[in-house]
Amino acid sequence: MKKTTLFLSLLFSFKCFCQPFEPVNKNTSPEARKLLSYLYSINGKYILSGEHGGGNRFLDSVKSLSGKYPALWGSDFIWSGPAGGGQRVVDQAIVNYKKGYIIALMWHQGRPMDSPPYGFKQSVQAKITNEEWTQITTPNTGLNKKWLAQIDTIAIYLKQLKDAHIPVLWRPYHEMNGVWFWWGNRPGKNGIAKLWKMMYDRYVNYYHLDNLIWVWGANGPRDLPEDEAYAYKAFYPGAAFVDILGTDIYHADYEQKDYNELLKLARGKLITLSEVGELPNASVLKAQPLWSWFMVWTNFIWTNNSKSAVREIYERPGTISLGDPNDIKY
């Protein structure tokens, strides 16, 4: 590692250790505050293990491969709506929280002009025009009202978790710097940053979903020479609206420059591997010690990782699994 890169990593690490942040929502629930405080307390010393999706199916896969269960369980409101499975997500979250899991939820939201159940390619990954985007982000237009109805539907599910005193690592509009979702590839103040703030305002100030910890999860930056338009910062809504900054990395390309860029943007806030395909190895975690957790995407735990790689990271002293001595105690 170059001396300059090492210096920057150490500098950013010092800032993270010395400056824990209050939640962006001043009314954040005691349970969510406890979770965020816990994440800061282990920052730079431990990384939490995580697994996404499939009810408990992939949790059992992790157990089979490593002998342990992950500390974090993730799920998705992807097809939620009048005919969707949002209640199943809530019910499973409640069950898993009682078992000690940290709950991380996200949403592959369908286009506002479509109706549930939303097809993945037909809606989530479909395109919208600039004019349609403007309508979605302009109050009281037809598409804005449809978008509002969508997020209100999810708010009802999230409120059940608030009422159950369950904190949630909430990660909407993920991979917004990519080109594969309808909300993606829209940098600048009128892009995804505006839509993020609209959801934040609705959920925090209208629904008072004070159990949410707001996780902004980008994709690993595309390498475009001399072009900063697609860097992390072009899609970031700002420190007042984000508790934790994350990135999704699906191959073993944990580039140090991307890690440093995210740390620079975070300015002392926590950063995380919000989705991974291939697990980070020991050398990566030595060079990049400030990741708060990793969350493997569904079956990638066994399709993109060897059993030895899974065992290696789960047996690593710095990795926290469910029930470990340094795991959060609810």
Protein backbone atom coordinates (compact mmCIF):
# COMPACT_ATOMS: atom_id res chain seq x y z
CA MET A 1 0.00 0.00 0.00
CA LYS A 2 1.34 3.45 -0.89
CA LYS A 3 2.33 5.70 2.02
CA THR A 4 -0.22 8.36 0.98
CA THR A 5 -3.05 5.83 0.90
CA LEU A 6 -2.02 4.41 4.25
CA PHE A 7 -1.89 7.90 5.76
CA LEU A 8 -5.40 8.71 4.50
CA SER A 9 -6.77 5.43 5.86
CA LEU A 10 -5.23 6.08 9.26
CA LEU A 11 -6.48 9.67 9.26
CA PHE A 12 -10.04 8.66 8.41
CA SER A 13 -9.84 5.85 10.97
CA PHE A 14 -8.86 8.32 13.69
CA LYS A 15 -11.84 10.52 12.85
CA CYS A 16 -14.21 7.55 13.00
CA PHE A 17 -12.92 6.39 16.37
CA CYS A 18 -13.18 9.85 17.93
CA GLN A 19 -16.44 11.18 16.60
CA PRO A 20 -19.54 9.03 17.10
CA PHE A 21 -22.59 10.71 15.62
CA GLU A 22 -26.06 11.25 16.98
CA PRO A 23 -28.85 9.77 14.83
CA VAL A 24 -30.00 12.15 12.10
CA ASN A 25 -33.53 11.89 13.47
CA LYS A 26 -33.43 13.70 16.82
CA ASN A 27 -36.44 11.63 17.98
CA THR A 28 -34.85 8.28 17.22
CA SER A 29 -36.20 5.54 19.50
CA PRO A 30 -34.15 4.27 22.46
CA GLU A 31 -33.75 0.89 20.76
CA ALA A 32 -32.42 2.41 17.54
CA ARG A 33 -30.12 4.71 19.51
CA LYS A 34 -28.78 1.69 21.37
CA LEU A 35 -28.11 -0.11 18.10
CA LEU A 36 -26.33 2.86 16.52
CA SER A 37 -24.28 3.39 19.69
CA TYR A 38 -23.33 -0.30 19.65
CA LEU A 39 -22.18 -0.05 16.03
CA TYR A 40 -19.93 2.87 16.92
CA SER A 41 -18.59 1.02 19.97
CA ILE A 42 -17.28 -1.87 17.86
CA ASN A 43 -16.14 0.28 14.92
CA GLY A 44 -12.62 -0.55 13.81
CA LYS A 45 -12.43 -3.50 16.21
CA TYR A 46 -15.06 -5.90 14.84
CA ILE A 47 -17.21 -6.48 11.77
CA LEU A 48 -20.71 -7.94 12.02
CA SER A 49 -21.61 -10.88 9.79
CA GLY A 50 -24.85 -10.67 7.82
CA GLU A 51 -27.03 -12.62 5.40
CA HIS A 52 -29.88 -11.40 3.23
CA GLY A 53 -33.13 -12.93 2.11
CA GLY A 54 -35.04 -16.14 1.74
CA GLY A 55 -36.80 -16.15 5.09
CA ASN A 56 -34.42 -18.21 7.24
CA ARG A 57 -33.26 -20.44 4.42
CA PHE A 58 -29.90 -18.75 3.90
CA LEU A 59 -29.32 -18.33 7.61
CA ASP A 60 -29.32 -22.11 7.73
CA SER A 61 -26.91 -22.15 4.77
CA VAL A 62 -24.45 -20.00 6.74
CA LYS A 63 -24.79 -22.34 9.72
CA SER A 64 -24.15 -25.36 7.52
CA LEU A 65 -21.06 -23.80 5.93
CA SER A 66 -19.51 -22.10 8.95
CA GLY A 67 -21.03 -23.64 12.07
CA LYS A 68 -22.39 -20.21 13.07
CA TYR A 69 -25.35 -17.97 12.36
CA PRO A 70 -24.80 -14.37 11.19
CA ALA A 71 -25.47 -11.44 13.50
CA LEU A 72 -27.54 -9.55 10.95
CA TRP A 73 -30.59 -10.67 8.95
CA GLY A 74 -31.76 -8.78 5.88
CA SER A 75 -34.98 -8.81 3.89
CA ASP A 76 -36.77 -6.90 1.15
CA PHE A 77 -40.24 -5.41 0.64
CA ILE A 78 -39.83 -5.96 -3.10
CA TRP A 79 -43.36 -7.09 -4.00
CA SER A 80 -45.16 -5.39 -1.15
CA GLY A 81 -48.48 -3.79 -1.86
CA PRO A 82 -52.13 -4.75 -1.63
CA ALA A 83 -51.27 -8.18 -3.03
CA GLY A 84 -47.68 -8.35 -1.77
CA GLY A 85 -45.77 -10.08 0.99
CA GLY A 86 -44.93 -7.17 3.25
CA GLN A 87 -46.61 -8.77 6.23
CA ARG A 88 -44.46 -11.86 5.86
CA VAL A 89 -41.37 -9.65 6.02
CA VAL A 90 -42.64 -7.98 9.20
CA ASP A 91 -43.62 -11.26 10.86
CA GLN A 92 -40.23 -12.82 10.10
CA ALA A 93 -38.42 -9.71 11.30
CA ILE A 94 -40.23 -9.89 14.64
CA VAL A 95 -39.38 -13.59 15.04
CA ASN A 96 -35.72 -13.05 14.14
CA TYR A 97 -35.33 -9.98 16.33
CA LYS A 98 -36.49 -12.03 19.30
CA LYS A 99 -33.76 -14.53 18.44
CA GLY A 100 -31.20 -11.74 18.68
CA TYR A 101 -30.67 -10.81 15.03
CA ILE A 102 -30.09 -7.23 13.95
CA ILE A 103 -32.76 -6.40 11.36
CA ALA A 104 -31.80 -4.79 8.03
CA LEU A 105 -34.58 -4.03 5.54
CA MET A 106 -34.57 -2.65 2.02
CA TRP A 107 -36.98 -2.24 -0.87
CA HIS A 108 -36.74 -2.92 -4.59
CA GLN A 109 -39.53 -0.42 -5.21
CA GLY A 110 -41.58 -0.76 -8.39
CA ARG A 111 -42.12 2.24 -10.64
CA PRO A 112 -44.90 4.50 -9.36
CA MET A 113 -46.77 4.20 -12.66
CA ASP A 114 -47.03 0.42 -12.25
CA SER A 115 -49.25 -1.71 -10.03
CA PRO A 116 -48.25 -4.51 -7.63
CA PRO A 117 -47.03 -7.15 -7.76
CA TYR A 118 -44.11 -5.43 -9.49
CA GLY A 119 -42.15 -7.46 -12.02
CA PHE A 120 -38.41 -7.14 -11.47
CA LYS A 121 -37.39 -6.48 -15.06
CA GLN A 122 -40.79 -5.11 -16.04
CA SER A 123 -40.93 -2.49 -13.28
CA VAL A 124 -38.03 -2.32 -10.81
CA GLN A 125 -35.48 -2.33 -13.61
CA ALA A 126 -37.63 -0.53 -16.18
CA LYS A 127 -36.80 2.96 -17.39
CA ILE A 128 -38.51 6.25 -16.72
CA THR A 129 -38.18 9.50 -18.63
CA ASN A 130 -36.81 12.75 -17.26
CA GLU A 131 -40.32 14.17 -17.38
CA GLU A 132 -41.68 11.24 -15.38
CA TRP A 133 -38.91 11.73 -12.82
CA THR A 134 -39.82 15.39 -12.49
CA GLN A 135 -43.45 14.45 -11.91
CA ILE A 136 -42.52 11.87 -9.26
CA THR A 137 -40.48 14.43 -7.35
CA THR A 138 -42.98 17.30 -7.73
CA PRO A 139 -45.69 17.44 -5.02
CA ASN A 140 -49.31 16.81 -6.03
CA THR A 141 -48.69 15.54 -9.55
CA GLY A 142 -50.32 12.26 -10.55
CA LEU A 143 -47.09 10.27 -10.38
CA ASN A 144 -46.09 11.92 -7.11
CA LYS A 145 -49.38 10.83 -5.54
CA LYS A 146 -48.82 7.27 -6.77
CA TRP A 147 -45.28 7.30 -5.34
CA LEU A 148 -46.67 8.61 -2.06
CA ALA A 149 -49.22 5.79 -1.95
CA GLN A 150 -46.40 3.28 -2.46
CA ILE A 151 -44.21 4.56 0.35
CA ASP A 152 -47.23 4.94 2.63
CA THR A 153 -47.93 1.23 2.15
CA ILE A 154 -44.43 0.36 3.34
CA ALA A 155 -44.73 2.85 6.21
CA ILE A 156 -47.61 0.81 7.60
CA TYR A 157 -45.37 -2.26 7.77
CA LEU A 158 -42.47 -0.32 9.27
CA LYS A 159 -44.80 1.13 11.88
CA GLN A 160 -45.59 -2.39 13.08
CA LEU A 161 -41.89 -2.82 13.80
CA LYS A 162 -41.79 0.55 15.54
CA ASP A 163 -44.72 -0.50 17.72
CA ALA A 164 -42.85 -3.73 18.52
CA HIS A 165 -39.81 -1.62 19.57
CA ILE A 166 -37.64 -3.13 16.85
CA PRO A 167 -34.86 -0.96 15.39
CA VAL A 168 -34.32 -1.29 11.64
CA LEU A 169 -31.31 -0.60 9.47
CA TRP A 170 -33.36 0.95 6.66
CA ARG A 171 -31.72 1.02 3.19
CA PRO A 172 -33.99 2.39 0.46
CA TYR A 173 -32.99 3.29 -3.12
CA HIS A 174 -29.81 1.23 -3.01
CA GLU A 175 -27.23 1.20 -5.81
CA MET A 176 -28.54 4.57 -6.92
CA ASN A 177 -25.27 5.34 -8.71
CA GLY A 178 -25.84 2.36 -11.01
CA VAL A 179 -27.89 2.22 -14.21
CA TRP A 180 -30.10 -0.82 -13.57
CA PHE A 181 -32.97 0.52 -11.39
CA TRP A 182 -35.53 3.20 -12.30
CA TRP A 183 -34.23 5.44 -9.51
CA GLY A 184 -30.61 5.01 -10.60
CA ASN A 185 -28.15 7.18 -12.48
CA ARG A 186 -29.71 10.48 -11.38
CA PRO A 187 -27.00 12.59 -9.77
CA GLY A 188 -27.36 16.11 -8.45
CA LYS A 189 -29.77 17.94 -6.17
CA ASN A 190 -32.85 17.09 -8.27
CA GLY A 191 -31.87 13.45 -8.69
CA ILE A 192 -32.06 10.61 -6.18
CA ALA A 193 -30.96 12.96 -3.39
CA LYS A 194 -34.28 14.78 -3.72
CA LEU A 195 -36.33 11.58 -3.69
CA TRP A 196 -34.40 10.31 -0.66
CA LYS A 197 -35.17 13.52 1.25
CA MET A 198 -38.84 13.26 0.31
CA MET A 199 -39.05 9.74 1.76
CA TYR A 200 -37.07 10.81 4.82
CA ASP A 201 -39.46 13.70 5.46
CA ARG A 202 -42.54 11.50 5.04
CA TYR A 203 -41.27 8.72 7.28
CA VAL A 204 -39.67 10.87 9.98
CA ASN A 205 -41.92 13.93 10.18
CA TYR A 206 -45.29 12.49 9.14
CA TYR A 207 -45.22 8.84 10.22
CA HIS A 208 -42.68 9.31 13.03
CA LEU A 209 -40.89 6.08 12.17
CA ASP A 210 -38.31 6.73 14.83
CA ASN A 211 -37.06 3.15 14.83
CA LEU A 212 -35.23 3.62 11.51
CA ILE A 213 -31.48 4.01 11.13
CA TRP A 214 -30.98 5.48 7.67
CA VAL A 215 -28.46 3.54 5.58
CA TRP A 216 -27.43 5.02 2.23
CA GLY A 217 -26.14 2.08 0.18
CA ALA A 218 -24.48 2.91 -3.13
CA ASN A 219 -22.83 0.54 -5.57
CA GLY A 220 -19.08 0.37 -5.98
CA PRO A 221 -18.24 3.38 -8.21
CA ARG A 222 -17.83 2.91 -11.92
CA ASP A 223 -14.34 3.86 -13.06
CA LEU A 224 -14.88 6.66 -15.53
CA PRO A 225 -11.67 8.58 -16.26
CA GLU A 226 -11.73 12.29 -15.42
CA ASP A 227 -15.41 12.15 -14.58
CA GLU A 228 -16.64 12.76 -11.04
CA ALA A 229 -20.32 12.78 -12.01
CA TYR A 230 -20.69 9.16 -10.92
CA ALA A 231 -18.64 9.31 -7.74
CA TYR A 232 -20.36 8.58 -4.44
CA LYS A 233 -20.80 12.27 -3.62
CA ALA A 234 -22.88 12.98 -6.74
CA PHE A 235 -25.73 10.86 -5.31
CA TYR A 236 -25.39 11.63 -1.62
CA PRO A 237 -28.35 13.44 -0.01
CA GLY A 238 -26.20 14.91 2.74
CA ALA A 239 -25.11 14.19 6.29
CA ALA A 240 -28.40 15.50 7.74
CA PHE A 241 -30.32 12.62 6.12
CA VAL A 242 -27.97 9.62 6.46
CA ASP A 243 -26.80 7.70 9.52
CA ILE A 244 -24.57 5.12 7.80
CA LEU A 245 -22.97 5.06 4.35
CA GLY A 246 -22.64 1.75 2.53
CA THR A 247 -21.51 0.21 -0.70
CA ASP A 248 -22.39 -2.98 -2.59
CA ILE A 249 -19.46 -5.04 -3.88
CA TYR A 250 -20.10 -8.30 -5.71
CA HIS A 251 -16.62 -9.32 -6.79
CA ALA A 252 -13.31 -9.42 -4.95
CA ASP A 253 -12.50 -5.86 -6.06
CA TYR A 254 -12.41 -4.11 -2.69
CA GLU A 255 -10.50 -1.18 -4.14
CA GLN A 256 -8.70 0.93 -1.55
CA LYS A 257 -9.44 4.16 -3.40
CA ASP A 258 -13.19 3.46 -3.23
CA TYR A 259 -12.96 2.69 0.48
CA ASN A 260 -11.07 5.96 1.05
CA GLU A 261 -13.59 7.89 -1.07
CA LEU A 262 -16.49 6.58 1.02
CA LEU A 263 -14.67 7.38 4.28
CA LYS A 264 -14.00 10.90 3.04
CA LEU A 265 -17.66 11.41 2.19
CA ALA A 266 -18.76 9.92 5.53
CA ARG A 267 -16.66 12.43 7.52
CA GLY A 268 -16.61 10.21 10.57
CA LYS A 269 -19.95 8.47 10.14
CA LEU A 270 -20.04 4.69 9.94
CA ILE A 271 -19.53 2.87 6.65
CA THR A 272 -20.62 -0.64 5.74
CA LEU A 273 -20.57 -3.37 3.12
CA SER A 274 -24.32 -3.20 2.57
CA GLU A 275 -24.26 -6.09 0.05
CA VAL A 276 -21.52 -8.44 -1.04
CA GLY A 277 -21.25 -11.37 -3.38
CA GLU A 278 -17.72 -12.53 -2.65
CA LEU A 279 -16.81 -12.17 1.01
CA PRO A 280 -13.98 -9.85 2.02
CA ASN A 281 -10.91 -11.77 3.11
CA ALA A 282 -8.55 -11.15 6.00
CA SER A 283 -6.15 -9.02 3.97
CA VAL A 284 -8.98 -6.77 2.79
CA LEU A 285 -10.27 -6.29 6.32
CA LYS A 286 -6.77 -5.50 7.57
CA ALA A 287 -6.42 -2.72 5.00
CA GLN A 288 -10.05 -1.61 5.39
CA PRO A 289 -10.84 -2.03 9.09
CA LEU A 290 -13.81 0.34 9.38
CA TRP A 291 -16.53 -1.66 7.64
CA SER A 292 -19.35 -2.07 10.19
CA TRP A 293 -20.87 -5.21 8.68
CA PHE A 294 -21.00 -7.31 5.56
CA MET A 295 -24.25 -8.73 4.21
CA VAL A 296 -24.05 -11.55 1.69
CA TRP A 297 -26.81 -11.52 -0.91
CA THR A 298 -29.03 -14.65 -0.67
CA ASN A 299 -27.55 -17.74 -2.37
CA PHE A 300 -24.23 -16.01 -3.12
CA ILE A 301 -23.09 -17.44 0.20
CA TRP A 302 -22.68 -20.81 -1.51
CA THR A 303 -22.58 -19.99 -5.25
CA ASN A 304 -19.80 -17.36 -5.08
CA ASN A 305 -17.85 -18.40 -1.99
CA SER A 306 -15.99 -21.58 -1.13
CA LYS A 307 -16.78 -23.30 2.13
CA SER A 308 -13.25 -22.53 3.30
CA ALA A 309 -13.74 -18.81 2.57
CA VAL A 310 -16.98 -18.75 4.57
CA ARG A 311 -15.38 -20.59 7.47
CA GLU A 312 -12.33 -18.33 7.37
CA ILE A 313 -14.26 -15.11 7.85
CA TYR A 314 -16.70 -16.56 10.39
CA GLU A 315 -13.86 -18.03 12.44
CA ARG A 316 -11.87 -14.78 12.27
CA PRO A 317 -11.57 -13.28 15.79
CA GLY A 318 -12.72 -9.87 14.53
CA THR A 319 -16.01 -11.18 13.07
CA ILE A 320 -19.13 -11.12 15.25
CA SER A 321 -21.77 -13.79 14.76
CA LEU A 322 -25.12 -14.33 16.46
CA GLY A 323 -24.66 -14.96 20.16
CA ASP A 324 -20.94 -14.12 20.26
CA PRO A 325 -19.73 -12.38 23.44
CA ASN A 326 -19.41 -9.05 21.60
CA ASP A 327 -22.79 -9.35 19.86
CA ILE A 328 -25.38 -6.73 20.83
CA LYS A 329 -27.62 -7.77 23.70
CA TYR A 330 -31.22 -6.71 23.20
